[in-house]
Amino acid sequence: MGVPGSPAKPRSQPLRPARPQGKDPAATLGARIVAAYGRQYLAQLDDGTVLPCLPRGKRAEAVCGDRVLLAAGTPPLAIADLLPRRNVLWRQDQWRSKVFAANIDRVLLVTATYPGIQHGLIGRALVAADAADIPVTLLLNKCDLPQADAARADMALYRDLGYDVIELSVHTAPQAARQALTPLLSGQTCLLLGASGVGKSSLTNLLAPQAQAATRELSTALSAGKHTTTATRLYDLPGLPPGSALMDSPGFQTFGLHHLTVSQLQHGFVEIRARNGQCRFQNCTHRNEPGCVFTTDPHAITPARLALYRQIYAEITSPPPR
């Protein structure tokens, strides 16, 4: 979502992927990582075959969605090379980072009328996706519940900011939900992202019915059944053009942005990006400087969004704990 006259978008610098080392093509197989559990991976070959694989050495840098070259041999195959990424989406707090997935065409950011709209998590996810240069569509699920009208009013904020919001009722109107999402999914790799309890698993089972069986089978292959709900998984979408895939990510309750710069944070807020250069001082941080447009103009940004920006600013500029 570009804004006329906005500054060039800064980019985050996530895990650096390894570069191909000129391996013998006959000795390697092209594949995409479809599941990652610590040092254990599942990779889908270009012919659709899914095989277990392992990293070489101690470092395990591949994530769901990565393109890799596998050394030919007997499974589990070794990951010979991690190919360059187009993008990667991740979050980071003061202690650790969590990579969701790589090579994403669109984030489908899911929220629900119940348990309610979590604006803090939505705002943070929007900033992270902007820093990774990944477009976002918001999905409002459970619109058949009595809380729908209030939630719809809450989501007007994001429509006003220029984001697309699609309303769904996965349990009571599954075919309508499928029809609404098909144009976004066709030929694309989309990541479902959202807090726990908003209906991501229900969406995944609707769009990729093989997901439940695949979870059982792949858990057996990895001997990691207890971890299947804590990692991102990629599923091909039946009935859609080749290249259509859905990534189901684990729910989250926090979304740290410590990996971002102040410039990336400011660019990730549509309101701040649109008012770039309108404050008295060129290097205004939009906190307490005189002549800041966001304190002098009550219509420039909502109080809640401004408070969220300032909270994240304090987090990413605070010194690391000793």
Protein backbone atom coordinates (compact mmCIF):
# COMPACT_ATOMS: atom_id res chain seq x y z
CA MET A 1 0.00 0.00 0.00
CA GLY A 2 1.98 2.96 -1.21
CA VAL A 3 1.34 6.53 -0.15
CA PRO A 4 2.19 9.33 -2.60
CA GLY A 5 5.27 11.20 -1.51
CA SER A 6 6.22 8.62 1.12
CA PRO A 7 9.87 7.80 1.72
CA ALA A 8 11.48 4.72 0.27
CA LYS A 9 10.50 1.66 2.25
CA PRO A 10 13.22 0.36 4.56
CA ARG A 11 13.68 -3.39 4.66
CA SER A 12 14.35 -5.65 7.59
CA GLN A 13 17.41 -7.89 7.52
CA PRO A 14 16.37 -11.34 8.74
CA LEU A 15 18.41 -14.54 8.77
CA ARG A 16 20.83 -14.49 5.88
CA PRO A 17 20.17 -17.43 3.55
CA ALA A 18 23.05 -19.49 2.26
CA ARG A 19 23.91 -19.09 -1.43
CA PRO A 20 24.15 -21.97 -3.87
CA GLN A 21 27.71 -23.25 -3.97
CA GLY A 22 27.76 -24.62 -7.48
CA LYS A 23 26.69 -28.15 -6.54
CA ASP A 24 26.42 -30.75 -9.24
CA PRO A 25 22.77 -30.49 -10.39
CA ALA A 26 22.64 -34.24 -10.91
CA ALA A 27 23.47 -34.77 -7.24
CA THR A 28 20.83 -32.43 -5.82
CA LEU A 29 17.05 -32.21 -5.80
CA GLY A 30 15.05 -28.99 -5.79
CA ALA A 31 12.44 -28.79 -3.02
CA ARG A 32 10.41 -26.51 -0.79
CA ILE A 33 10.32 -26.81 2.99
CA VAL A 34 6.72 -27.54 4.03
CA ALA A 35 7.30 -28.13 7.75
CA ALA A 36 10.07 -27.33 10.20
CA TYR A 37 10.37 -28.71 13.72
CA GLY A 38 13.67 -27.70 15.24
CA ARG A 39 16.33 -29.58 13.29
CA GLN A 40 13.82 -31.82 11.54
CA TYR A 41 12.22 -30.79 8.26
CA LEU A 42 9.82 -32.02 5.64
CA ALA A 43 10.52 -31.00 2.07
CA GLN A 44 8.28 -31.30 -0.97
CA LEU A 45 10.13 -32.17 -4.17
CA ASP A 46 9.14 -30.52 -7.42
CA ASP A 47 7.22 -33.70 -8.37
CA GLY A 48 5.11 -33.45 -5.19
CA THR A 49 6.90 -36.15 -3.16
CA VAL A 50 7.36 -35.23 0.52
CA LEU A 51 10.51 -36.44 2.26
CA PRO A 52 12.13 -35.87 5.65
CA CYS A 53 15.41 -33.96 5.62
CA LEU A 54 18.02 -32.58 8.01
CA PRO A 55 20.41 -29.62 7.96
CA ARG A 56 24.11 -30.11 7.48
CA GLY A 57 26.12 -29.04 10.49
CA LYS A 58 24.77 -27.58 13.71
CA ARG A 59 22.86 -24.61 12.31
CA ALA A 60 19.24 -25.08 11.23
CA GLU A 61 18.29 -21.94 9.32
CA ALA A 62 15.62 -23.21 6.93
CA VAL A 63 12.00 -22.28 7.64
CA CYS A 64 8.67 -23.19 6.14
CA GLY A 65 8.44 -21.87 2.58
CA ASP A 66 12.18 -21.89 1.91
CA ARG A 67 13.46 -23.25 -1.39
CA VAL A 68 16.34 -25.67 -0.87
CA LEU A 69 18.59 -28.09 -2.69
CA LEU A 70 18.70 -31.56 -1.15
CA ALA A 71 21.63 -33.92 -1.52
CA ALA A 72 20.41 -37.03 -3.33
CA GLY A 73 20.53 -40.21 -1.31
CA THR A 74 18.55 -42.16 1.25
CA PRO A 75 16.05 -40.21 3.43
CA PRO A 76 16.40 -38.28 5.58
CA LEU A 77 18.18 -36.22 2.95
CA ALA A 78 20.68 -33.51 3.82
CA ILE A 79 19.93 -29.88 2.97
CA ALA A 80 22.81 -29.01 0.65
CA ASP A 81 21.86 -25.35 0.08
CA LEU A 82 19.32 -22.82 1.23
CA LEU A 83 18.35 -20.69 -1.76
CA PRO A 84 17.88 -16.90 -1.53
CA ARG A 85 14.56 -15.75 -0.08
CA ARG A 86 12.20 -13.19 -1.55
CA ASN A 87 11.06 -12.25 1.96
CA VAL A 88 10.65 -13.63 5.46
CA LEU A 89 8.18 -12.74 8.22
CA TRP A 90 9.31 -12.88 11.83
CA ARG A 91 8.91 -11.44 15.29
CA GLN A 92 11.46 -10.80 18.01
CA ASP A 93 11.35 -9.76 21.65
CA GLN A 94 14.27 -9.01 23.96
CA TRP A 95 15.15 -12.66 24.41
CA ARG A 96 14.36 -14.62 21.27
CA SER A 97 13.08 -14.45 17.71
CA LYS A 98 10.43 -16.51 15.92
CA VAL A 99 10.36 -16.87 12.15
CA PHE A 100 6.92 -17.62 10.75
CA ALA A 101 7.74 -18.42 7.12
CA ALA A 102 9.59 -17.33 3.99
CA ASN A 103 8.67 -16.59 0.37
CA ILE A 104 5.16 -15.37 1.17
CA ASP A 105 2.94 -13.72 -1.44
CA ARG A 106 0.29 -12.46 1.01
CA VAL A 107 -0.48 -12.48 4.71
CA LEU A 108 -4.07 -13.31 5.63
CA LEU A 109 -4.31 -11.71 9.07
CA VAL A 110 -7.16 -13.42 10.90
CA THR A 111 -9.18 -11.92 13.74
CA ALA A 112 -12.63 -12.81 15.04
CA THR A 113 -15.75 -11.26 16.52
CA TYR A 114 -15.14 -13.51 19.53
CA PRO A 115 -12.95 -13.48 21.61
CA GLY A 116 -12.72 -9.97 20.13
CA ILE A 117 -10.54 -7.64 18.08
CA GLN A 118 -7.01 -7.41 19.46
CA HIS A 119 -5.84 -4.13 17.96
CA GLY A 120 -2.38 -4.32 19.53
CA LEU A 121 -1.58 -7.64 17.87
CA ILE A 122 -3.11 -6.57 14.57
CA GLY A 123 -1.14 -3.33 14.54
CA ARG A 124 2.13 -5.10 15.28
CA ALA A 125 1.56 -7.74 12.62
CA LEU A 126 0.80 -5.05 10.05
CA VAL A 127 4.08 -3.29 10.84
CA ALA A 128 6.06 -6.55 10.57
CA ALA A 129 4.49 -7.42 7.22
CA ASP A 130 5.16 -3.92 5.90
CA ALA A 131 8.83 -4.20 6.88
CA ALA A 132 9.02 -7.49 4.96
CA ASP A 133 7.20 -5.94 1.97
CA ILE A 134 4.35 -8.46 2.13
CA PRO A 135 0.78 -7.30 1.37
CA VAL A 136 -1.89 -8.00 3.99
CA THR A 137 -5.59 -8.78 3.82
CA LEU A 138 -7.55 -8.81 7.08
CA LEU A 139 -10.07 -11.60 7.69
CA LEU A 140 -12.85 -11.06 10.23
CA ASN A 141 -14.13 -14.51 11.18
CA LYS A 142 -17.18 -15.65 13.18
CA CYS A 143 -19.44 -12.97 11.70
CA ASP A 144 -22.45 -15.15 12.52
CA LEU A 145 -22.08 -14.38 16.24
CA PRO A 146 -23.98 -11.62 18.12
CA GLN A 147 -20.76 -9.64 18.52
CA ALA A 148 -20.46 -9.16 14.76
CA ASP A 149 -21.83 -5.61 14.58
CA ALA A 150 -19.46 -4.32 17.25
CA ALA A 151 -16.50 -6.10 15.65
CA ARG A 152 -17.43 -4.76 12.23
CA ALA A 153 -17.40 -1.23 13.64
CA ASP A 154 -13.97 -1.87 15.17
CA MET A 155 -12.59 -3.10 11.84
CA ALA A 156 -13.72 0.08 10.09
CA LEU A 157 -10.48 1.59 11.37
CA TYR A 158 -8.45 -0.64 9.06
CA ARG A 159 -10.76 -0.15 6.10
CA ASP A 160 -10.31 3.59 6.55
CA LEU A 161 -6.53 3.09 6.50
CA GLY A 162 -6.80 1.33 3.14
CA TYR A 163 -6.63 -2.33 4.14
CA ASP A 164 -9.01 -4.86 2.64
CA VAL A 165 -11.22 -6.59 5.24
CA ILE A 166 -13.10 -9.76 4.31
CA GLU A 167 -15.90 -10.98 6.58
CA LEU A 168 -16.27 -14.74 7.07
CA SER A 169 -18.37 -17.27 8.94
CA VAL A 170 -16.33 -20.41 8.44
CA HIS A 171 -18.52 -22.75 10.50
CA THR A 172 -21.96 -21.61 9.30
CA ALA A 173 -21.13 -20.45 5.76
CA PRO A 174 -18.04 -22.40 4.65
CA GLN A 175 -18.74 -22.24 0.92
CA ALA A 176 -19.16 -18.47 1.03
CA ALA A 177 -15.84 -18.23 2.89
CA ARG A 178 -14.13 -20.37 0.28
CA GLN A 179 -15.58 -18.30 -2.55
CA ALA A 180 -14.47 -15.03 -0.93
CA LEU A 181 -10.88 -16.24 -0.50
CA THR A 182 -10.35 -18.07 -3.79
CA PRO A 183 -9.23 -14.97 -5.77
CA LEU A 184 -6.55 -14.27 -3.15
CA LEU A 185 -5.33 -17.87 -3.00
CA SER A 186 -5.16 -18.70 -6.71
CA GLY A 187 -1.52 -19.10 -7.74
CA GLN A 188 -0.32 -17.56 -4.47
CA THR A 189 1.38 -18.75 -1.29
CA CYS A 190 -0.58 -17.19 1.58
CA LEU A 191 0.21 -17.25 5.29
CA LEU A 192 -2.60 -17.45 7.85
CA LEU A 193 -1.54 -15.32 10.80
CA GLY A 194 -3.45 -14.51 13.96
CA ALA A 195 -3.94 -15.00 17.68
CA SER A 196 -5.09 -18.28 19.16
CA GLY A 197 -8.81 -18.99 18.90
CA VAL A 198 -9.64 -16.91 15.82
CA GLY A 199 -10.30 -19.90 13.55
CA LYS A 200 -7.09 -20.42 11.57
CA SER A 201 -7.26 -24.21 11.89
CA SER A 202 -10.88 -24.21 10.74
CA LEU A 203 -9.89 -22.13 7.72
CA THR A 204 -7.03 -24.47 6.94
CA ASN A 205 -9.26 -27.55 7.13
CA LEU A 206 -11.82 -25.86 4.90
CA LEU A 207 -9.34 -24.80 2.22
CA ALA A 208 -6.97 -27.77 2.47
CA PRO A 209 -9.04 -30.78 3.63
CA GLN A 210 -5.96 -33.00 3.47
CA ALA A 211 -4.39 -31.01 6.31
CA GLN A 212 -5.74 -33.22 9.11
CA ALA A 213 -4.51 -36.44 7.53
CA ALA A 214 -1.23 -34.84 6.52
CA THR A 215 -0.63 -33.70 10.09
CA ARG A 216 -0.95 -37.26 11.38
CA GLU A 217 1.19 -38.76 8.63
CA LEU A 218 3.96 -36.17 8.79
CA SER A 219 4.05 -36.23 12.56
CA THR A 220 4.74 -39.95 12.34
CA ALA A 221 7.47 -39.35 9.76
CA LEU A 222 9.16 -36.85 12.06
CA SER A 223 8.38 -38.62 15.34
CA ALA A 224 7.29 -35.16 16.49
CA GLY A 225 3.55 -35.45 17.00
CA LYS A 226 3.46 -33.27 20.09
CA HIS A 227 4.99 -30.38 18.14
CA THR A 228 2.55 -30.25 15.23
CA THR A 229 0.60 -27.28 16.59
CA THR A 230 3.65 -25.15 17.30
CA ALA A 231 5.14 -24.78 13.82
CA THR A 232 4.08 -23.32 10.50
CA ARG A 233 2.86 -25.89 7.95
CA LEU A 234 2.38 -25.51 4.20
CA TYR A 235 -0.39 -27.24 2.25
CA ASP A 236 -1.15 -27.27 -1.46
CA LEU A 237 -4.70 -26.15 -2.24
CA PRO A 238 -6.73 -28.70 -4.23
CA GLY A 239 -8.88 -27.41 -7.05
CA LEU A 240 -6.82 -24.22 -7.50
CA PRO A 241 -4.08 -23.48 -10.07
CA PRO A 242 -0.57 -24.86 -9.50
CA GLY A 243 1.39 -22.75 -7.05
CA SER A 244 -1.63 -22.18 -4.78
CA ALA A 245 -0.60 -22.93 -1.21
CA LEU A 246 -1.66 -22.07 2.32
CA MET A 247 0.59 -21.80 5.36
CA ASP A 248 -1.04 -22.34 8.75
CA SER A 249 0.99 -20.73 11.55
CA PRO A 250 0.68 -21.25 15.31
CA GLY A 251 -1.37 -18.74 17.25
CA PHE A 252 0.45 -16.07 19.24
CA GLN A 253 -0.34 -13.81 22.18
CA THR A 254 2.61 -11.43 21.83
CA PHE A 255 4.33 -9.93 18.80
CA GLY A 256 7.68 -8.31 19.50
CA LEU A 257 9.24 -6.01 16.92
CA HIS A 258 12.73 -5.58 18.37
CA HIS A 259 14.28 -6.48 15.01
CA LEU A 260 12.92 -3.32 13.36
CA THR A 261 14.47 0.11 13.07
CA VAL A 262 12.62 3.30 13.99
CA SER A 263 12.34 4.10 10.28
CA GLN A 264 10.68 0.75 9.60
CA LEU A 265 8.32 1.28 12.52
CA GLN A 266 7.25 4.69 11.25
CA HIS A 267 6.80 3.40 7.72
CA GLY A 268 4.62 0.56 9.01
CA PHE A 269 2.02 2.98 10.39
CA VAL A 270 0.01 4.19 7.39
CA GLU A 271 -0.94 7.42 9.17
CA ILE A 272 2.68 8.33 9.96
CA ARG A 273 3.87 7.39 6.49
CA ALA A 274 1.23 9.66 4.95
CA ARG A 275 2.24 12.66 7.12
CA ASN A 276 5.99 12.30 6.60
CA GLY A 277 7.67 15.71 6.63
CA GLN A 278 4.72 17.61 8.13
CA CYS A 279 6.12 17.93 11.67
CA ARG A 280 8.16 20.97 12.72
CA PHE A 281 11.33 18.92 13.06
CA GLN A 282 12.55 16.61 10.31
CA ASN A 283 13.70 13.98 12.81
CA CYS A 284 10.52 14.08 14.90
CA THR A 285 9.93 10.83 16.79
CA HIS A 286 6.22 11.64 17.29
CA ARG A 287 6.39 11.34 21.06
CA ASN A 288 6.62 14.71 22.81
CA GLU A 289 8.35 17.09 20.37
CA PRO A 290 6.76 20.54 19.85
CA GLY A 291 5.06 20.96 16.52
CA CYS A 292 4.44 17.24 16.00
CA VAL A 293 1.46 16.85 13.66
CA PHE A 294 0.23 13.86 15.65
CA THR A 295 -0.22 15.92 18.80
CA THR A 296 -1.49 19.10 17.16
CA ASP A 297 -3.99 17.48 14.74
CA PRO A 298 -6.52 15.21 16.51
CA HIS A 299 -7.56 13.70 13.17
CA ALA A 300 -4.05 12.64 12.11
CA ILE A 301 -4.16 9.34 14.02
CA THR A 302 -6.42 7.74 16.60
CA PRO A 303 -5.26 7.95 20.23
CA ALA A 304 -5.05 4.15 20.47
CA ARG A 305 -2.89 3.85 17.35
CA LEU A 306 -0.62 6.65 18.53
CA ALA A 307 -0.26 4.95 21.92
CA LEU A 308 0.63 1.68 20.18
CA TYR A 309 3.27 3.41 18.05
CA ARG A 310 4.84 5.02 21.12
CA GLN A 311 4.80 1.74 23.02
CA ILE A 312 6.61 -0.08 20.20
CA TYR A 313 9.04 2.84 19.84
CA ALA A 314 9.96 2.53 23.52
CA GLU A 315 10.44 -1.22 23.14
CA ILE A 316 12.75 -1.13 20.14
CA THR A 317 14.86 1.77 21.43
CA SER A 318 15.30 0.54 24.98
CA PRO A 319 18.71 -0.97 25.86
CA PRO A 320 18.84 -4.78 25.96
CA PRO A 321 18.58 -6.38 29.40
CA ARG A 322 21.85 -7.29 31.11
